[in-house]
């Protein structure tokens, strides 16, 4: 019985270790992809700046209607 429990614990530990390594690997991969995305965004921003284009600010206010009471 003790050998069975020890074997079960070893199997669980092995599975946990494998899952932990997979999670860490995925997190590292996501970090790399985020870094690449950030570089792409910076490249696009630089390209837009080089073209002389300036981003326009969106005005949330609705245009006021002309006063027609005259």
PDB file of N, CA and C in Angstrom:
ATOM      1  N   UNK A   1       0.828  -1.198   0.000  1.00  0.00           N
ATOM      2  CA  UNK A   1       0.000   0.000   0.000  1.00  0.00           C
ATOM      3  C   UNK A   1       0.869   1.258   0.000  1.00  0.00           C
ATOM      4  N   UNK A   2       1.924   1.268   0.803  1.00  0.00           N
ATOM      5  CA  UNK A   2       2.808   2.429   0.873  1.00  0.00           C
ATOM      6  C   UNK A   2       3.489   2.669  -0.469  1.00  0.00           C
ATOM      7  N   UNK A   3       3.894   1.609  -1.140  1.00  0.00           N
ATOM      8  CA  UNK A   3       4.542   1.737  -2.448  1.00  0.00           C
ATOM      9  C   UNK A   3       3.572   2.338  -3.460  1.00  0.00           C
ATOM     10  N   UNK A   4       2.305   1.946  -3.378  1.00  0.00           N
ATOM     11  CA  UNK A   4       1.290   2.480  -4.289  1.00  0.00           C
ATOM     12  C   UNK A   4       1.138   3.987  -4.096  1.00  0.00           C
ATOM     13  N   UNK A   5       1.061   4.417  -2.847  1.00  0.00           N
ATOM     14  CA  UNK A   5       0.899   5.840  -2.537  1.00  0.00           C
ATOM     15  C   UNK A   5       2.137   6.616  -2.981  1.00  0.00           C
ATOM     16  N   UNK A   6       3.309   6.073  -2.724  1.00  0.00           N
ATOM     17  CA  UNK A   6       4.538   6.751  -3.139  1.00  0.00           C
ATOM     18  C   UNK A   6       4.606   6.866  -4.660  1.00  0.00           C
ATOM     19  N   UNK A   7       4.227   5.802  -5.349  1.00  0.00           N
ATOM     20  CA  UNK A   7       4.220   5.821  -6.811  1.00  0.00           C
ATOM     21  C   UNK A   7       3.229   6.867  -7.329  1.00  0.00           C
ATOM     22  N   UNK A   8       2.077   6.929  -6.701  1.00  0.00           N
ATOM     23  CA  UNK A   8       1.064   7.908  -7.088  1.00  0.00           C
ATOM     24  C   UNK A   8       1.576   9.334  -6.869  1.00  0.00           C
ATOM     25  N   UNK A   9       2.243   9.572  -5.755  1.00  0.00           N
ATOM     26  CA  UNK A   9       2.800  10.896  -5.477  1.00  0.00           C
ATOM     27  C   UNK A   9       3.882  11.272  -6.489  1.00  0.00           C
ATOM     28  N   UNK A  10       4.704  10.317  -6.871  1.00  0.00           N
ATOM     29  CA  UNK A  10       5.748  10.570  -7.867  1.00  0.00           C
ATOM     30  C   UNK A  10       5.106  10.926  -9.208  1.00  0.00           C
ATOM     31  N   UNK A  11       4.065  10.193  -9.583  1.00  0.00           N
ATOM     32  CA  UNK A  11       3.368  10.487 -10.839  1.00  0.00           C
ATOM     33  C   UNK A  11       2.753  11.884 -10.808  1.00  0.00           C
ATOM     34  N   UNK A  12       2.136  12.227  -9.693  1.00  0.00           N
ATOM     35  CA  UNK A  12       1.522  13.553  -9.568  1.00  0.00           C
ATOM     36  C   UNK A  12       2.583  14.646  -9.632  1.00  0.00           C
ATOM     37  N   UNK A  13       3.709  14.419  -8.966  1.00  0.00           N
ATOM     38  CA  UNK A  13       4.783  15.404  -8.984  1.00  0.00           C
ATOM     39  C   UNK A  13       5.335  15.575 -10.401  1.00  0.00           C
ATOM     40  N   UNK A  14       5.487  14.484 -11.123  1.00  0.00           N
ATOM     41  CA  UNK A  14       5.983  14.539 -12.498  1.00  0.00           C
ATOM     42  C   UNK A  14       5.014  15.314 -13.387  1.00  0.00           C
ATOM     43  N   UNK A  15       3.745  15.032 -13.249  1.00  0.00           N
ATOM     44  CA  UNK A  15       2.738  15.748 -14.048  1.00  0.00           C
ATOM     45  C   UNK A  15       2.713  17.230 -13.698  1.00  0.00           C
ATOM     46  N   UNK A  16       2.800  17.528 -12.422  1.00  0.00           N
ATOM     47  CA  UNK A  16       2.809  18.923 -11.988  1.00  0.00           C
ATOM     48  C   UNK A  16       4.027  19.646 -12.553  1.00  0.00           C
ATOM     49  N   UNK A  17       5.179  19.002 -12.502  1.00  0.00           N
ATOM     50  CA  UNK A  17       6.405  19.597 -13.032  1.00  0.00           C
ATOM     51  C   UNK A  17       6.279  19.851 -14.531  1.00  0.00           C
ATOM     52  N   UNK A  18       5.714  18.896 -15.256  1.00  0.00           N
ATOM     53  CA  UNK A  18       5.526  19.046 -16.702  1.00  0.00           C
ATOM     54  C   UNK A  18       4.586  20.211 -17.003  1.00  0.00           C
ATOM     55  N   UNK A  19       3.487  20.290 -16.268  1.00  0.00           N
ATOM     56  CA  UNK A  19       2.543  21.390 -16.481  1.00  0.00           C
ATOM     57  C   UNK A  19       3.185  22.730 -16.140  1.00  0.00           C
ATOM     58  N   UNK A  20       3.952  22.777 -15.075  1.00  0.00           N
ATOM     59  CA  UNK A  20       4.629  24.019 -14.688  1.00  0.00           C
ATOM     60  C   UNK A  20       5.590  24.474 -15.778  1.00  0.00           C
ATOM     61  N   UNK A  21       6.351  23.545 -16.320  1.00  0.00           N
ATOM     62  CA  UNK A  21       7.291  23.880 -17.390  1.00  0.00           C
ATOM     63  C   UNK A  21       6.551  24.377 -18.629  1.00  0.00           C
ATOM     64  N   UNK A  22       5.424  23.744 -18.950  1.00  0.00           N
ATOM     65  CA  UNK A  22       4.633  24.182 -20.104  1.00  0.00           C
ATOM     66  C   UNK A  22       4.077  25.586 -19.895  1.00  0.00           C
ATOM     67  N   UNK A  23       3.609  25.862 -18.695  1.00  0.00           N
ATOM     68  CA  UNK A  23       3.061  27.189 -18.395  1.00  0.00           C
ATOM     69  C   UNK A  23       4.151  28.250 -18.499  1.00  0.00           C
ATOM     70  N   UNK A  24       5.305  27.969 -17.936  1.00  0.00           N
ATOM     71  CA  UNK A  24       6.418  28.925 -17.990  1.00  0.00           C
ATOM     72  C   UNK A  24       6.846  29.152 -19.435  1.00  0.00           C
ATOM     73  N   UNK A  25       6.862  28.088 -20.217  1.00  0.00           N
ATOM     74  CA  UNK A  25       7.226  28.207 -21.628  1.00  0.00           C
ATOM     75  C   UNK A  25       6.230  29.097 -22.372  1.00  0.00           C
ATOM     76  N   UNK A  26       4.948  28.901 -22.110  1.00  0.00           N
ATOM     77  CA  UNK A  26       3.917  29.721 -22.763  1.00  0.00           C
ATOM     78  C   UNK A  26       4.023  31.181 -22.336  1.00  0.00           C
ATOM     79  N   UNK A  27       4.308  31.426 -21.076  1.00  0.00           N
ATOM     80  CA  UNK A  27       4.463  32.803 -20.591  1.00  0.00           C
ATOM     81  C   UNK A  27       5.657  33.467 -21.270  1.00  0.00           C
ATOM     82  N   UNK A  28       6.759  32.738 -21.390  1.00  0.00           N
ATOM     83  CA  UNK A  28       7.934  33.281 -22.079  1.00  0.00           C
ATOM     84  C   UNK A  28       7.615  33.586 -23.540  1.00  0.00           C
ATOM     85  N   UNK A  29       6.879  32.687 -24.181  1.00  0.00           N
ATOM     86  CA  UNK A  29       6.495  32.888 -25.581  1.00  0.00           C
ATOM     87  C   UNK A  29       5.605  34.123 -25.719  1.00  0.00           C
ATOM     88  N   UNK A  30       4.666  34.280 -24.807  1.00  0.00           N
ATOM     89  CA  UNK A  30       3.791  35.451 -24.849  1.00  0.00           C
ATOM     90  C   UNK A  30       4.589  36.735 -24.640  1.00  0.00           C
ATOM     91  N   UNK A  31       5.569  36.704 -23.745  1.00  0.00           N
ATOM     92  CA  UNK A  31       6.413  37.873 -23.517  1.00  0.00           C
ATOM     93  C   UNK A  31       7.170  38.262 -24.775  1.00  0.00           C
ATOM     94  N   UNK A  32       7.689  37.268 -25.474  1.00  0.00           N
ATOM     95  CA  UNK A  32       8.402  37.522 -26.723  1.00  0.00           C
ATOM     96  C   UNK A  32       7.464  38.125 -27.762  1.00  0.00           C
ATOM     97  N   UNK A  33       6.267  37.578 -27.860  1.00  0.00           N
ATOM     98  CA  UNK A  33       5.304  38.090 -28.837  1.00  0.00           C
ATOM     99  C   UNK A  33       4.877  39.518 -28.498  1.00  0.00           C
ATOM    100  N   UNK A  34       4.731  39.807 -27.218  1.00  0.00           N
ATOM    101  CA  UNK A  34       4.374  41.170 -26.802  1.00  0.00           C
ATOM    102  C   UNK A  34       5.500  42.133 -27.152  1.00  0.00           C
ATOM    103  N   UNK A  35       6.744  41.711 -26.927  1.00  0.00           N
ATOM    104  CA  UNK A  35       7.885  42.557 -27.292  1.00  0.00           C
ATOM    105  C   UNK A  35       7.905  42.830 -28.791  1.00  0.00           C
ATOM    106  N   UNK A  36       7.635  41.797 -29.597  1.00  0.00           N
ATOM    107  CA  UNK A  36       7.604  41.970 -31.050  1.00  0.00           C
ATOM    108  C   UNK A  36       6.478  42.912 -31.458  1.00  0.00           C
ATOM    109  N   UNK A  37       5.334  42.772 -30.818  1.00  0.00           N
ATOM    110  CA  UNK A  37       4.200  43.649 -31.114  1.00  0.00           C
ATOM    111  C   UNK A  37       4.530  45.093 -30.758  1.00  0.00           C
ATOM    112  N   UNK A  38       5.175  45.282 -29.624  1.00  0.00           N
ATOM    113  CA  UNK A  38       5.564  46.630 -29.210  1.00  0.00           C
ATOM    114  C   UNK A  38       6.531  47.253 -30.216  1.00  0.00           C
ATOM    115  N   UNK A  39       7.482  46.458 -30.703  1.00  0.00           N
ATOM    116  CA  UNK A  39       8.418  46.974 -31.705  1.00  0.00           C
ATOM    117  C   UNK A  39       7.691  47.328 -32.999  1.00  0.00           C
ATOM    118  N   UNK A  40       6.726  46.510 -33.395  1.00  0.00           N
ATOM    119  CA  UNK A  40       5.963  46.795 -34.610  1.00  0.00           C
ATOM    120  C   UNK A  40       5.161  48.081 -34.462  1.00  0.00           C
ATOM    121  N   UNK A  41       4.568  48.266 -33.305  1.00  0.00           N
ATOM    122  CA  UNK A  41       3.797  49.485 -33.054  1.00  0.00           C
ATOM    123  C   UNK A  41       4.713  50.703 -33.106  1.00  0.00           C
ATOM    124  N   UNK A  42       5.882  50.594 -32.491  1.00  0.00           N
ATOM    125  CA  UNK A  42       6.832  51.712 -32.521  1.00  0.00           C
ATOM    126  C   UNK A  42       7.297  51.996 -33.944  1.00  0.00           C
ATOM    127  N   UNK A  43       7.503  50.948 -34.740  1.00  0.00           N
ATOM    128  CA  UNK A  43       7.882  51.139 -36.142  1.00  0.00           C
ATOM    129  C   UNK A  43       6.779  51.861 -36.908  1.00  0.00           C
ATOM    130  N   UNK A  44       5.537  51.458 -36.669  1.00  0.00           N
ATOM    131  CA  UNK A  44       4.411  52.114 -37.340  1.00  0.00           C
ATOM    132  C   UNK A  44       4.290  53.570 -36.918  1.00  0.00           C
ATOM    133  N   UNK A  45       4.474  53.824 -35.627  1.00  0.00           N
ATOM    134  CA  UNK A  45       4.416  55.204 -35.144  1.00  0.00           C
ATOM    135  C   UNK A  45       5.516  56.040 -35.789  1.00  0.00           C
ATOM    136  N   UNK A  46       6.701  55.480 -35.908  1.00  0.00           N
ATOM    137  CA  UNK A  46       7.811  56.198 -36.532  1.00  0.00           C
ATOM    138  C   UNK A  46       7.519  56.433 -38.009  1.00  0.00           C
ATOM    139  N   UNK A  47       6.931  55.452 -38.661  1.00  0.00           N
ATOM    140  CA  UNK A  47       6.596  55.585 -40.081  1.00  0.00           C
ATOM    141  C   UNK A  47       5.545  56.670 -40.283  1.00  0.00           C
ATOM    142  N   UNK A  48       4.561  56.702 -39.427  1.00  0.00           N
ATOM    143  CA  UNK A  48       3.527  57.737 -39.524  1.00  0.00           C
ATOM    144  C   UNK A  48       4.143  59.105 -39.286  1.00  0.00           C
ATOM    145  N   UNK A  49       5.033  59.192 -38.316  1.00  0.00           N
ATOM    146  CA  UNK A  49       5.703  60.458 -38.035  1.00  0.00           C
ATOM    147  C   UNK A  49       6.569  60.900 -39.195  1.00  0.00           C
ATOM    148  N   UNK A  50       7.190  59.967 -39.894  1.00  0.00           N
ATOM    149  CA  UNK A  50       8.051  60.291 -41.030  1.00  0.00           C
ATOM    150  C   UNK A  50       7.227  60.772 -42.216  1.00  0.00           C
ATOM    151  N   UNK A  51       5.986  60.323 -42.316  1.00  0.00           N
ATOM    152  CA  UNK A  51       5.118  60.741 -43.412  1.00  0.00           C
ATOM    153  C   UNK A  51       4.533  62.125 -43.175  1.00  0.00           C
ATOM    154  N   UNK A  52       4.737  62.668 -41.993  1.00  0.00           N
ATOM    155  CA  UNK A  52       4.216  63.990 -41.691  1.00  0.00           C
ATOM    156  C   UNK A  52       2.754  63.987 -41.298  1.00  0.00           C
ATOM    157  N   UNK A  53       2.199  62.822 -41.094  1.00  0.00           N
ATOM    158  CA  UNK A  53       0.798  62.739 -40.693  1.00  0.00           C
ATOM    159  C   UNK A  53       0.712  62.927 -39.188  1.00  0.00           C
ATOM    160  N   UNK A  54      -0.292  63.659 -38.761  1.00  0.00           N
ATOM    161  CA  UNK A  54      -0.505  63.820 -37.332  1.00  0.00           C
ATOM    162  C   UNK A  54      -1.849  63.216 -36.982  1.00  0.00           C
ATOM    163  N   UNK A  55      -1.900  62.475 -35.904  1.00  0.00           N
ATOM    164  CA  UNK A  55      -3.189  61.896 -35.514  1.00  0.00           C
ATOM    165  C   UNK A  55      -4.166  62.996 -35.135  1.00  0.00           C
ATOM    166  N   UNK A  56      -5.414  62.800 -35.489  1.00  0.00           N
ATOM    167  CA  UNK A  56      -6.428  63.795 -35.171  1.00  0.00           C
ATOM    168  C   UNK A  56      -7.144  63.399 -33.904  1.00  0.00           C
ATOM    169  N   UNK A  57      -7.519  64.396 -33.124  1.00  0.00           N
ATOM    170  CA  UNK A  57      -8.234  64.154 -31.878  1.00  0.00           C
ATOM    171  C   UNK A  57      -9.720  64.087 -32.184  1.00  0.00           C
ATOM    172  N   UNK A  58     -10.363  63.081 -31.640  1.00  0.00           N
ATOM    173  CA  UNK A  58     -11.797  62.926 -31.843  1.00  0.00           C
ATOM    174  C   UNK A  58     -12.511  63.829 -30.866  1.00  0.00           C
ATOM    175  N   UNK A  59     -13.435  64.637 -31.390  1.00  0.00           N
ATOM    176  CA  UNK A  59     -14.193  65.550 -30.553  1.00  0.00           C
ATOM    177  C   UNK A  59     -15.497  64.872 -30.168  1.00  0.00           C
ATOM    178  N   UNK A  60     -15.715  64.694 -28.865  1.00  0.00           N
ATOM    179  CA  UNK A  60     -16.906  63.997 -28.386  1.00  0.00           C
ATOM    180  C   UNK A  60     -18.144  64.889 -28.383  1.00  0.00           C
ATOM    181  N   UNK A  61     -17.953  66.191 -28.508  1.00  0.00           N
ATOM    182  CA  UNK A  61     -19.095  67.094 -28.464  1.00  0.00           C
ATOM    183  C   UNK A  61     -19.835  67.063 -29.796  1.00  0.00           C
ATOM    184  N   UNK A  62     -21.154  67.132 -29.710  1.00  0.00           N
ATOM    185  CA  UNK A  62     -21.958  67.191 -30.924  1.00  0.00           C
ATOM    186  C   UNK A  62     -21.947  68.623 -31.439  1.00  0.00           C
ATOM    187  N   UNK A  63     -21.980  68.803 -32.751  1.00  0.00           N
ATOM    188  CA  UNK A  63     -22.004  70.166 -33.283  1.00  0.00           C
ATOM    189  C   UNK A  63     -23.284  70.878 -32.856  1.00  0.00           C
ATOM    190  N   UNK A  64     -23.133  72.156 -32.537  1.00  0.00           N
ATOM    191  CA  UNK A  64     -24.291  72.937 -32.106  1.00  0.00           C
ATOM    192  C   UNK A  64     -25.078  73.380 -33.325  1.00  0.00           C
ATOM    193  N   UNK A  65     -26.385  73.296 -33.217  1.00  0.00           N
ATOM    194  CA  UNK A  65     -27.248  73.705 -34.321  1.00  0.00           C
ATOM    195  C   UNK A  65     -27.251  75.231 -34.409  1.00  0.00           C
ATOM    196  N   UNK A  66     -27.365  75.738 -35.625  1.00  0.00           N
ATOM    197  CA  UNK A  66     -27.409  77.189 -35.829  1.00  0.00           C
ATOM    198  C   UNK A  66     -28.695  77.731 -35.229  1.00  0.00           C
ATOM    199  N   UNK A  67     -28.604  78.894 -34.651  1.00  0.00           N
ATOM    200  CA  UNK A  67     -29.761  79.514 -34.019  1.00  0.00           C
ATOM    201  C   UNK A  67     -30.710  80.016 -35.102  1.00  0.00           C
ATOM    202  N   UNK A  68     -31.909  79.470 -35.173  1.00  0.00           N
ATOM    203  CA  UNK A  68     -32.862  79.846 -36.218  1.00  0.00           C
ATOM    204  C   UNK A  68     -34.005  80.675 -35.661  1.00  0.00           C
ATOM    205  N   UNK A  69     -33.799  81.340 -34.528  1.00  0.00           N
ATOM    206  CA  UNK A  69     -34.878  82.107 -33.914  1.00  0.00           C
ATOM    207  C   UNK A  69     -34.965  83.529 -34.438  1.00  0.00           C
ATOM    208  N   UNK A  70     -34.159  83.955 -35.404  1.00  0.00           N
ATOM    209  CA  UNK A  70     -34.204  85.332 -35.861  1.00  0.00           C
ATOM    210  C   UNK A  70     -35.335  85.607 -36.783  1.00  0.00           C
TER     211      UNK A  70
END
